[in-house]
Amino acid sequence: MDSNGKNTLVKLGGLWAMPSGKGYTGRLGNAKVILLPNRSKANNPKAPDFDLLIAPWEDREKGDGGWPPKDAAGVTNRLPGEDDI
């Protein structure tokens, strides 16, 4: 809120729980947004609670829009820290 009490927050999008239950995913413009728990939190209490990752959006109507994202050759592009998603 600003000094006059007016809400200045802007909604950018929404997130949905991943089927694995280990994170959240959504869309922001032409990017896929992924929110995952920070795995290094246990070793460093000052570390952030979550990691926010961005990946290119893949249009599901064009075919391969599933998870995990794939490159043009159909090879899975795993994001850092998502080995067990």
PDB file of N, CA and C in Angstrom:
ATOM      1  N   MET A   1       0.826  -1.171   0.000  1.00  0.00           N
ATOM      2  CA  MET A   1       0.000   0.000   0.000  1.00  0.00           C
ATOM      3  C   MET A   1       0.879   1.246   0.000  1.00  0.00           C
ATOM      4  N   ASP A   2       0.356   2.291  -0.642  1.00  0.00           N
ATOM      5  CA  ASP A   2       1.094   3.543  -0.638  1.00  0.00           C
ATOM      6  C   ASP A   2       0.773   4.343   0.617  1.00  0.00           C
ATOM      7  N   SER A   3       1.330   5.537   0.743  1.00  0.00           N
ATOM      8  CA  SER A   3       1.144   6.345   1.947  1.00  0.00           C
ATOM      9  C   SER A   3      -0.294   6.810   2.137  1.00  0.00           C
ATOM     10  N   ASN A   4      -1.121   6.746   1.077  1.00  0.00           N
ATOM     11  CA  ASN A   4      -2.531   7.130   1.173  1.00  0.00           C
ATOM     12  C   ASN A   4      -3.434   5.929   1.472  1.00  0.00           C
ATOM     13  N   GLY A   5      -2.851   4.761   1.669  1.00  0.00           N
ATOM     14  CA  GLY A   5      -3.636   3.568   1.953  1.00  0.00           C
ATOM     15  C   GLY A   5      -4.195   2.880   0.724  1.00  0.00           C
ATOM     16  N   LYS A   6      -3.773   3.322  -0.467  1.00  0.00           N
ATOM     17  CA  LYS A   6      -4.253   2.724  -1.709  1.00  0.00           C
ATOM     18  C   LYS A   6      -3.429   1.472  -2.044  1.00  0.00           C
ATOM     19  N   ASN A   7      -4.107   0.410  -2.445  1.00  0.00           N
ATOM     20  CA  ASN A   7      -3.432  -0.836  -2.811  1.00  0.00           C
ATOM     21  C   ASN A   7      -2.676  -0.625  -4.108  1.00  0.00           C
ATOM     22  N   THR A   8      -1.369  -0.828  -4.088  1.00  0.00           N
ATOM     23  CA  THR A   8      -0.533  -0.646  -5.275  1.00  0.00           C
ATOM     24  C   THR A   8      -0.019  -1.976  -5.826  1.00  0.00           C
ATOM     25  N   LEU A   9      -0.526  -3.077  -5.305  1.00  0.00           N
ATOM     26  CA  LEU A   9      -0.101  -4.387  -5.790  1.00  0.00           C
ATOM     27  C   LEU A   9      -0.709  -4.668  -7.161  1.00  0.00           C
ATOM     28  N   VAL A  10       0.052  -5.345  -8.017  1.00  0.00           N
ATOM     29  CA  VAL A  10      -0.410  -5.712  -9.349  1.00  0.00           C
ATOM     30  C   VAL A  10      -0.327  -7.229  -9.473  1.00  0.00           C
ATOM     31  N   LYS A  11      -1.441  -7.863  -9.818  1.00  0.00           N
ATOM     32  CA  LYS A  11      -1.439  -9.315 -10.011  1.00  0.00           C
ATOM     33  C   LYS A  11      -0.787  -9.627 -11.354  1.00  0.00           C
ATOM     34  N   LEU A  12       0.239 -10.474 -11.326  1.00  0.00           N
ATOM     35  CA  LEU A  12       0.947 -10.865 -12.538  1.00  0.00           C
ATOM     36  C   LEU A  12       0.427 -12.170 -13.116  1.00  0.00           C
ATOM     37  N   GLY A  13      -0.167 -13.002 -12.301  1.00  0.00           N
ATOM     38  CA  GLY A  13      -0.650 -14.296 -12.773  1.00  0.00           C
ATOM     39  C   GLY A  13      -1.009 -15.174 -11.595  1.00  0.00           C
ATOM     40  N   GLY A  14      -1.217 -16.451 -11.877  1.00  0.00           N
ATOM     41  CA  GLY A  14      -1.550 -17.417 -10.850  1.00  0.00           C
ATOM     42  C   GLY A  14      -0.646 -18.628 -10.951  1.00  0.00           C
ATOM     43  N   LEU A  15      -0.589 -19.393  -9.886  1.00  0.00           N
ATOM     44  CA  LEU A  15       0.206 -20.614  -9.844  1.00  0.00           C
ATOM     45  C   LEU A  15      -0.696 -21.785  -9.489  1.00  0.00           C
ATOM     46  N   TRP A  16      -0.387 -22.932 -10.063  1.00  0.00           N
ATOM     47  CA  TRP A  16      -1.124 -24.166  -9.794  1.00  0.00           C
ATOM     48  C   TRP A  16      -0.160 -25.173  -9.187  1.00  0.00           C
ATOM     49  N   ALA A  17      -0.670 -25.989  -8.273  1.00  0.00           N
ATOM     50  CA  ALA A  17       0.147 -27.042  -7.675  1.00  0.00           C
ATOM     51  C   ALA A  17       0.530 -28.058  -8.747  1.00  0.00           C
ATOM     52  N   MET A  18       1.794 -28.469  -8.744  1.00  0.00           N
ATOM     53  CA  MET A  18       2.264 -29.479  -9.689  1.00  0.00           C
ATOM     54  C   MET A  18       1.705 -30.838  -9.270  1.00  0.00           C
ATOM     55  N   PRO A  19       1.462 -31.731 -10.227  1.00  0.00           N
ATOM     56  CA  PRO A  19       0.932 -33.052  -9.882  1.00  0.00           C
ATOM     57  C   PRO A  19       1.779 -33.786  -8.837  1.00  0.00           C
ATOM     58  N   SER A  20       3.081 -33.534  -8.822  1.00  0.00           N
ATOM     59  CA  SER A  20       3.966 -34.186  -7.859  1.00  0.00           C
ATOM     60  C   SER A  20       3.759 -33.643  -6.450  1.00  0.00           C
ATOM     61  N   GLY A  21       3.122 -32.473  -6.341  1.00  0.00           N
ATOM     62  CA  GLY A  21       2.934 -31.850  -5.044  1.00  0.00           C
ATOM     63  C   GLY A  21       4.192 -31.188  -4.502  1.00  0.00           C
ATOM     64  N   LYS A  22       5.240 -31.095  -5.312  1.00  0.00           N
ATOM     65  CA  LYS A  22       6.516 -30.562  -4.836  1.00  0.00           C
ATOM     66  C   LYS A  22       6.784 -29.130  -5.262  1.00  0.00           C
ATOM     67  N   GLY A  23       5.834 -28.491  -5.895  1.00  0.00           N
ATOM     68  CA  GLY A  23       6.050 -27.119  -6.326  1.00  0.00           C
ATOM     69  C   GLY A  23       4.811 -26.570  -7.003  1.00  0.00           C
ATOM     70  N   TYR A  24       4.976 -25.407  -7.612  1.00  0.00           N
ATOM     71  CA  TYR A  24       3.874 -24.720  -8.283  1.00  0.00           C
ATOM     72  C   TYR A  24       4.347 -24.232  -9.640  1.00  0.00           C
ATOM     73  N   THR A  25       3.417 -24.139 -10.575  1.00  0.00           N
ATOM     74  CA  THR A  25       3.759 -23.674 -11.906  1.00  0.00           C
ATOM     75  C   THR A  25       2.673 -22.749 -12.426  1.00  0.00           C
ATOM     76  N   GLY A  26       3.050 -21.856 -13.307  1.00  0.00           N
ATOM     77  CA  GLY A  26       2.114 -20.923 -13.908  1.00  0.00           C
ATOM     78  C   GLY A  26       2.738 -20.287 -15.130  1.00  0.00           C
ATOM     79  N   ARG A  27       2.070 -19.258 -15.631  1.00  0.00           N
ATOM     80  CA  ARG A  27       2.547 -18.593 -16.834  1.00  0.00           C
ATOM     81  C   ARG A  27       2.625 -17.098 -16.578  1.00  0.00           C
ATOM     82  N   LEU A  28       3.675 -16.485 -17.071  1.00  0.00           N
ATOM     83  CA  LEU A  28       3.864 -15.046 -16.995  1.00  0.00           C
ATOM     84  C   LEU A  28       4.315 -14.590 -18.375  1.00  0.00           C
ATOM     85  N   GLY A  29       3.386 -14.032 -19.141  1.00  0.00           N
ATOM     86  CA  GLY A  29       3.714 -13.636 -20.511  1.00  0.00           C
ATOM     87  C   GLY A  29       4.061 -14.854 -21.341  1.00  0.00           C
ATOM     88  N   ASN A  30       5.245 -14.858 -21.924  1.00  0.00           N
ATOM     89  CA  ASN A  30       5.695 -15.960 -22.770  1.00  0.00           C
ATOM     90  C   ASN A  30       6.680 -16.862 -22.019  1.00  0.00           C
ATOM     91  N   ALA A  31       6.521 -16.951 -20.707  1.00  0.00           N
ATOM     92  CA  ALA A  31       7.422 -17.766 -19.894  1.00  0.00           C
ATOM     93  C   ALA A  31       6.627 -18.636 -18.933  1.00  0.00           C
ATOM     94  N   LYS A  32       7.165 -19.811 -18.664  1.00  0.00           N
ATOM     95  CA  LYS A  32       6.610 -20.700 -17.650  1.00  0.00           C
ATOM     96  C   LYS A  32       7.323 -20.375 -16.342  1.00  0.00           C
ATOM     97  N   VAL A  33       6.558 -20.177 -15.290  1.00  0.00           N
ATOM     98  CA  VAL A  33       7.094 -19.858 -13.974  1.00  0.00           C
ATOM     99  C   VAL A  33       6.989 -21.107 -13.113  1.00  0.00           C
ATOM    100  N   ILE A  34       8.080 -21.446 -12.430  1.00  0.00           N
ATOM    101  CA  ILE A  34       8.106 -22.627 -11.576  1.00  0.00           C
ATOM    102  C   ILE A  34       8.613 -22.204 -10.202  1.00  0.00           C
ATOM    103  N   LEU A  35       7.877 -22.548  -9.165  1.00  0.00           N
ATOM    104  CA  LEU A  35       8.247 -22.227  -7.796  1.00  0.00           C
ATOM    105  C   LEU A  35       8.486 -23.542  -7.061  1.00  0.00           C
ATOM    106  N   LEU A  36       9.728 -23.753  -6.616  1.00  0.00           N
ATOM    107  CA  LEU A  36      10.103 -24.999  -5.947  1.00  0.00           C
ATOM    108  C   LEU A  36      10.686 -24.702  -4.564  1.00  0.00           C
ATOM    109  N   PRO A  37      10.483 -25.598  -3.612  1.00  0.00           N
ATOM    110  CA  PRO A  37      11.131 -25.414  -2.314  1.00  0.00           C
ATOM    111  C   PRO A  37      12.653 -25.409  -2.482  1.00  0.00           C
ATOM    112  N   ASN A  38      13.331 -24.571  -1.742  1.00  0.00           N
ATOM    113  CA  ASN A  38      14.784 -24.471  -1.815  1.00  0.00           C
ATOM    114  C   ASN A  38      15.408 -25.651  -1.088  1.00  0.00           C
ATOM    115  N   ARG A  39      16.097 -26.492  -1.827  1.00  0.00           N
ATOM    116  CA  ARG A  39      16.702 -27.697  -1.236  1.00  0.00           C
ATOM    117  C   ARG A  39      17.866 -27.384  -0.310  1.00  0.00           C
ATOM    118  N   SER A  40      18.496 -26.227  -0.473  1.00  0.00           N
ATOM    119  CA  SER A  40      19.647 -25.898   0.367  1.00  0.00           C
ATOM    120  C   SER A  40      19.239 -25.206   1.664  1.00  0.00           C
ATOM    121  N   LYS A  41      17.944 -25.040   1.887  1.00  0.00           N
ATOM    122  CA  LYS A  41      17.455 -24.381   3.104  1.00  0.00           C
ATOM    123  C   LYS A  41      17.898 -25.121   4.367  1.00  0.00           C
ATOM    124  N   ALA A  42      17.921 -26.432   4.329  1.00  0.00           N
ATOM    125  CA  ALA A  42      18.307 -27.216   5.507  1.00  0.00           C
ATOM    126  C   ALA A  42      19.756 -26.934   5.917  1.00  0.00           C
ATOM    127  N   ASN A  43      20.629 -26.665   4.947  1.00  0.00           N
ATOM    128  CA  ASN A  43      22.040 -26.404   5.226  1.00  0.00           C
ATOM    129  C   ASN A  43      22.316 -24.940   5.545  1.00  0.00           C
ATOM    130  N   ASN A  44      21.384 -24.054   5.197  1.00  0.00           N
ATOM    131  CA  ASN A  44      21.598 -22.629   5.393  1.00  0.00           C
ATOM    132  C   ASN A  44      20.284 -21.974   5.805  1.00  0.00           C
ATOM    133  N   PRO A  45      20.068 -21.763   7.083  1.00  0.00           N
ATOM    134  CA  PRO A  45      18.804 -21.195   7.540  1.00  0.00           C
ATOM    135  C   PRO A  45      18.514 -19.800   6.991  1.00  0.00           C
ATOM    136  N   LYS A  46      19.528 -19.095   6.496  1.00  0.00           N
ATOM    137  CA  LYS A  46      19.328 -17.756   5.932  1.00  0.00           C
ATOM    138  C   LYS A  46      18.964 -17.800   4.446  1.00  0.00           C
ATOM    139  N   ALA A  47      18.993 -18.984   3.852  1.00  0.00           N
ATOM    140  CA  ALA A  47      18.648 -19.132   2.439  1.00  0.00           C
ATOM    141  C   ALA A  47      17.151 -18.887   2.249  1.00  0.00           C
ATOM    142  N   PRO A  48      16.739 -18.455   1.062  1.00  0.00           N
ATOM    143  CA  PRO A  48      15.304 -18.261   0.817  1.00  0.00           C
ATOM    144  C   PRO A  48      14.553 -19.588   0.926  1.00  0.00           C
ATOM    145  N   ASP A  49      13.269 -19.509   1.204  1.00  0.00           N
ATOM    146  CA  ASP A  49      12.446 -20.709   1.349  1.00  0.00           C
ATOM    147  C   ASP A  49      12.139 -21.371   0.012  1.00  0.00           C
ATOM    148  N   PHE A  50      12.061 -20.588  -1.065  1.00  0.00           N
ATOM    149  CA  PHE A  50      11.695 -21.104  -2.377  1.00  0.00           C
ATOM    150  C   PHE A  50      12.654 -20.603  -3.441  1.00  0.00           C
ATOM    151  N   ASP A  51      12.773 -21.370  -4.531  1.00  0.00           N
ATOM    152  CA  ASP A  51      13.493 -20.958  -5.733  1.00  0.00           C
ATOM    153  C   ASP A  51      12.462 -20.663  -6.811  1.00  0.00           C
ATOM    154  N   LEU A  52      12.628 -19.545  -7.507  1.00  0.00           N
ATOM    155  CA  LEU A  52      11.740 -19.147  -8.592  1.00  0.00           C
ATOM    156  C   LEU A  52      12.494 -19.341  -9.892  1.00  0.00           C
ATOM    157  N   LEU A  53      11.975 -20.218 -10.755  1.00  0.00           N
ATOM    158  CA  LEU A  53      12.622 -20.561 -12.020  1.00  0.00           C
ATOM    159  C   LEU A  53      11.741 -20.132 -13.188  1.00  0.00           C
ATOM    160  N   ILE A  54      12.371 -19.788 -14.296  1.00  0.00           N
ATOM    161  CA  ILE A  54      11.668 -19.376 -15.507  1.00  0.00           C
ATOM    162  C   ILE A  54      12.141 -20.267 -16.658  1.00  0.00           C
ATOM    163  N   ALA A  55      11.200 -20.748 -17.455  1.00  0.00           N
ATOM    164  CA  ALA A  55      11.505 -21.571 -18.630  1.00  0.00           C
ATOM    165  C   ALA A  55      10.666 -21.054 -19.791  1.00  0.00           C
ATOM    166  N   PRO A  56      11.102 -21.268 -21.029  1.00  0.00           N
ATOM    167  CA  PRO A  56      10.281 -20.852 -22.170  1.00  0.00           C
ATOM    168  C   PRO A  56       8.926 -21.562 -22.142  1.00  0.00           C
ATOM    169  N   TRP A  57       7.866 -20.835 -22.480  1.00  0.00           N
ATOM    170  CA  TRP A  57       6.531 -21.425 -22.546  1.00  0.00           C
ATOM    171  C   TRP A  57       6.416 -22.254 -23.807  1.00  0.00           C
ATOM    172  N   GLU A  58       5.817 -23.425 -23.713  1.00  0.00           N
ATOM    173  CA  GLU A  58       5.563 -24.270 -24.869  1.00  0.00           C
ATOM    174  C   GLU A  58       4.067 -24.335 -25.075  1.00  0.00           C
ATOM    175  N   ASP A  59       3.620 -24.004 -26.279  1.00  0.00           N
ATOM    176  CA  ASP A  59       2.198 -23.953 -26.591  1.00  0.00           C
ATOM    177  C   ASP A  59       1.650 -25.363 -26.709  1.00  0.00           C
ATOM    178  N   ARG A  60       0.709 -25.710 -25.843  1.00  0.00           N
ATOM    179  CA  ARG A  60       0.140 -27.056 -25.838  1.00  0.00           C
ATOM    180  C   ARG A  60      -0.642 -27.355 -27.113  1.00  0.00           C
ATOM    181  N   GLU A  61      -1.194 -26.326 -27.754  1.00  0.00           N
ATOM    182  CA  GLU A  61      -1.953 -26.542 -28.986  1.00  0.00           C
ATOM    183  C   GLU A  61      -1.040 -26.953 -30.135  1.00  0.00           C
ATOM    184  N   LYS A  62       0.239 -26.626 -30.047  1.00  0.00           N
ATOM    185  CA  LYS A  62       1.194 -27.003 -31.087  1.00  0.00           C
ATOM    186  C   LYS A  62       1.772 -28.390 -30.837  1.00  0.00           C
ATOM    187  N   GLY A  63       1.305 -29.046 -29.816  1.00  0.00           N
ATOM    188  CA  GLY A  63       1.805 -30.397 -29.556  1.00  0.00           C
ATOM    189  C   GLY A  63       2.440 -30.485 -28.196  1.00  0.00           C
ATOM    190  N   ASP A  64       3.711 -30.566 -28.150  1.00  0.00           N
ATOM    191  CA  ASP A  64       4.471 -30.910 -26.962  1.00  0.00           C
ATOM    192  C   ASP A  64       4.482 -29.807 -25.905  1.00  0.00           C
ATOM    193  N   GLY A  65       3.384 -29.613 -25.181  1.00  0.00           N
ATOM    194  CA  GLY A  65       3.356 -28.601 -24.144  1.00  0.00           C
ATOM    195  C   GLY A  65       3.447 -29.190 -22.762  1.00  0.00           C
ATOM    196  N   GLY A  66       3.808 -30.438 -22.662  1.00  0.00           N
ATOM    197  CA  GLY A  66       3.800 -31.112 -21.367  1.00  0.00           C
ATOM    198  C   GLY A  66       4.999 -30.827 -20.512  1.00  0.00           C
ATOM    199  N   TRP A  67       5.034 -31.494 -19.400  1.00  0.00           N
ATOM    200  CA  TRP A  67       6.118 -31.345 -18.440  1.00  0.00           C
ATOM    201  C   TRP A  67       6.966 -32.582 -18.446  1.00  0.00           C
ATOM    202  N   PRO A  68       8.255 -32.536 -18.388  1.00  0.00           N
ATOM    203  CA  PRO A  68       9.080 -31.342 -18.358  1.00  0.00           C
ATOM    204  C   PRO A  68       9.259 -30.756 -19.751  1.00  0.00           C
ATOM    205  N   PRO A  69       9.740 -29.484 -19.854  1.00  0.00           N
ATOM    206  CA  PRO A  69       9.926 -28.863 -21.161  1.00  0.00           C
ATOM    207  C   PRO A  69      10.970 -29.590 -21.980  1.00  0.00           C
ATOM    208  N   LYS A  70      10.801 -29.539 -23.296  1.00  0.00           N
ATOM    209  CA  LYS A  70      11.740 -30.195 -24.222  1.00  0.00           C
ATOM    210  C   LYS A  70      12.255 -29.174 -25.229  1.00  0.00           C
ATOM    211  N   ASP A  71      13.466 -29.410 -25.751  1.00  0.00           N
ATOM    212  CA  ASP A  71      13.994 -28.521 -26.778  1.00  0.00           C
ATOM    213  C   ASP A  71      13.438 -28.927 -28.145  1.00  0.00           C
ATOM    214  N   ALA A  72      13.889 -28.255 -29.218  1.00  0.00           N
ATOM    215  CA  ALA A  72      13.362 -28.499 -30.559  1.00  0.00           C
ATOM    216  C   ALA A  72      13.571 -29.939 -31.025  1.00  0.00           C
ATOM    217  N   ALA A  73      14.604 -30.607 -30.502  1.00  0.00           N
ATOM    218  CA  ALA A  73      14.889 -31.989 -30.885  1.00  0.00           C
ATOM    219  C   ALA A  73      14.103 -32.983 -30.036  1.00  0.00           C
ATOM    220  N   GLY A  74      13.292 -32.491 -29.095  1.00  0.00           N
ATOM    221  CA  GLY A  74      12.510 -33.382 -28.244  1.00  0.00           C
ATOM    222  C   GLY A  74      13.250 -33.880 -27.021  1.00  0.00           C
ATOM    223  N   VAL A  75      14.412 -33.284 -26.736  1.00  0.00           N
ATOM    224  CA  VAL A  75      15.208 -33.689 -25.584  1.00  0.00           C
ATOM    225  C   VAL A  75      14.704 -32.938 -24.353  1.00  0.00           C
ATOM    226  N   THR A  76      14.530 -33.655 -23.254  1.00  0.00           N
ATOM    227  CA  THR A  76      14.034 -33.049 -22.023  1.00  0.00           C
ATOM    228  C   THR A  76      15.036 -32.043 -21.485  1.00  0.00           C
ATOM    229  N   ASN A  77      14.541 -30.850 -21.196  1.00  0.00           N
ATOM    230  CA  ASN A  77      15.348 -29.798 -20.579  1.00  0.00           C
ATOM    231  C   ASN A  77      14.991 -29.735 -19.103  1.00  0.00           C
ATOM    232  N   ARG A  78      15.774 -30.363 -18.257  1.00  0.00           N
ATOM    233  CA  ARG A  78      15.514 -30.348 -16.823  1.00  0.00           C
ATOM    234  C   ARG A  78      16.062 -29.044 -16.250  1.00  0.00           C
ATOM    235  N   LEU A  79      15.328 -28.448 -15.370  1.00  0.00           N
ATOM    236  CA  LEU A  79      15.773 -27.250 -14.698  1.00  0.00           C
ATOM    237  C   LEU A  79      16.563 -27.630 -13.458  1.00  0.00           C
ATOM    238  N   PRO A  80      17.466 -26.766 -12.992  1.00  0.00           N
ATOM    239  CA  PRO A  80      18.249 -27.098 -11.797  1.00  0.00           C
ATOM    240  C   PRO A  80      17.347 -27.404 -10.608  1.00  0.00           C
ATOM    241  N   GLY A  81      17.605 -28.502  -9.936  1.00  0.00           N
ATOM    242  CA  GLY A  81      16.877 -28.846  -8.730  1.00  0.00           C
ATOM    243  C   GLY A  81      15.553 -29.552  -8.935  1.00  0.00           C
ATOM    244  N   GLU A  82      15.273 -29.999 -10.150  1.00  0.00           N
ATOM    245  CA  GLU A  82      13.977 -30.656 -10.370  1.00  0.00           C
ATOM    246  C   GLU A  82      14.127 -32.137 -10.688  1.00  0.00           C
ATOM    247  N   ASP A  83      15.186 -32.748 -10.211  1.00  0.00           N
ATOM    248  CA  ASP A  83      15.432 -34.154 -10.529  1.00  0.00           C
ATOM    249  C   ASP A  83      14.304 -35.074 -10.101  1.00  0.00           C
ATOM    250  N   ASP A  84      13.614 -34.772  -9.018  1.00  0.00           N
ATOM    251  CA  ASP A  84      12.596 -35.692  -8.531  1.00  0.00           C
ATOM    252  C   ASP A  84      11.183 -35.104  -8.608  1.00  0.00           C
ATOM    253  N   ILE A  85      10.969 -34.184  -9.515  1.00  0.00           N
ATOM    254  CA  ILE A  85       9.614 -33.608  -9.675  1.00  0.00           C
ATOM    255  C   ILE A  85       8.763 -34.575 -10.473  1.00  0.00           C
TER     256      ILE A  85
END
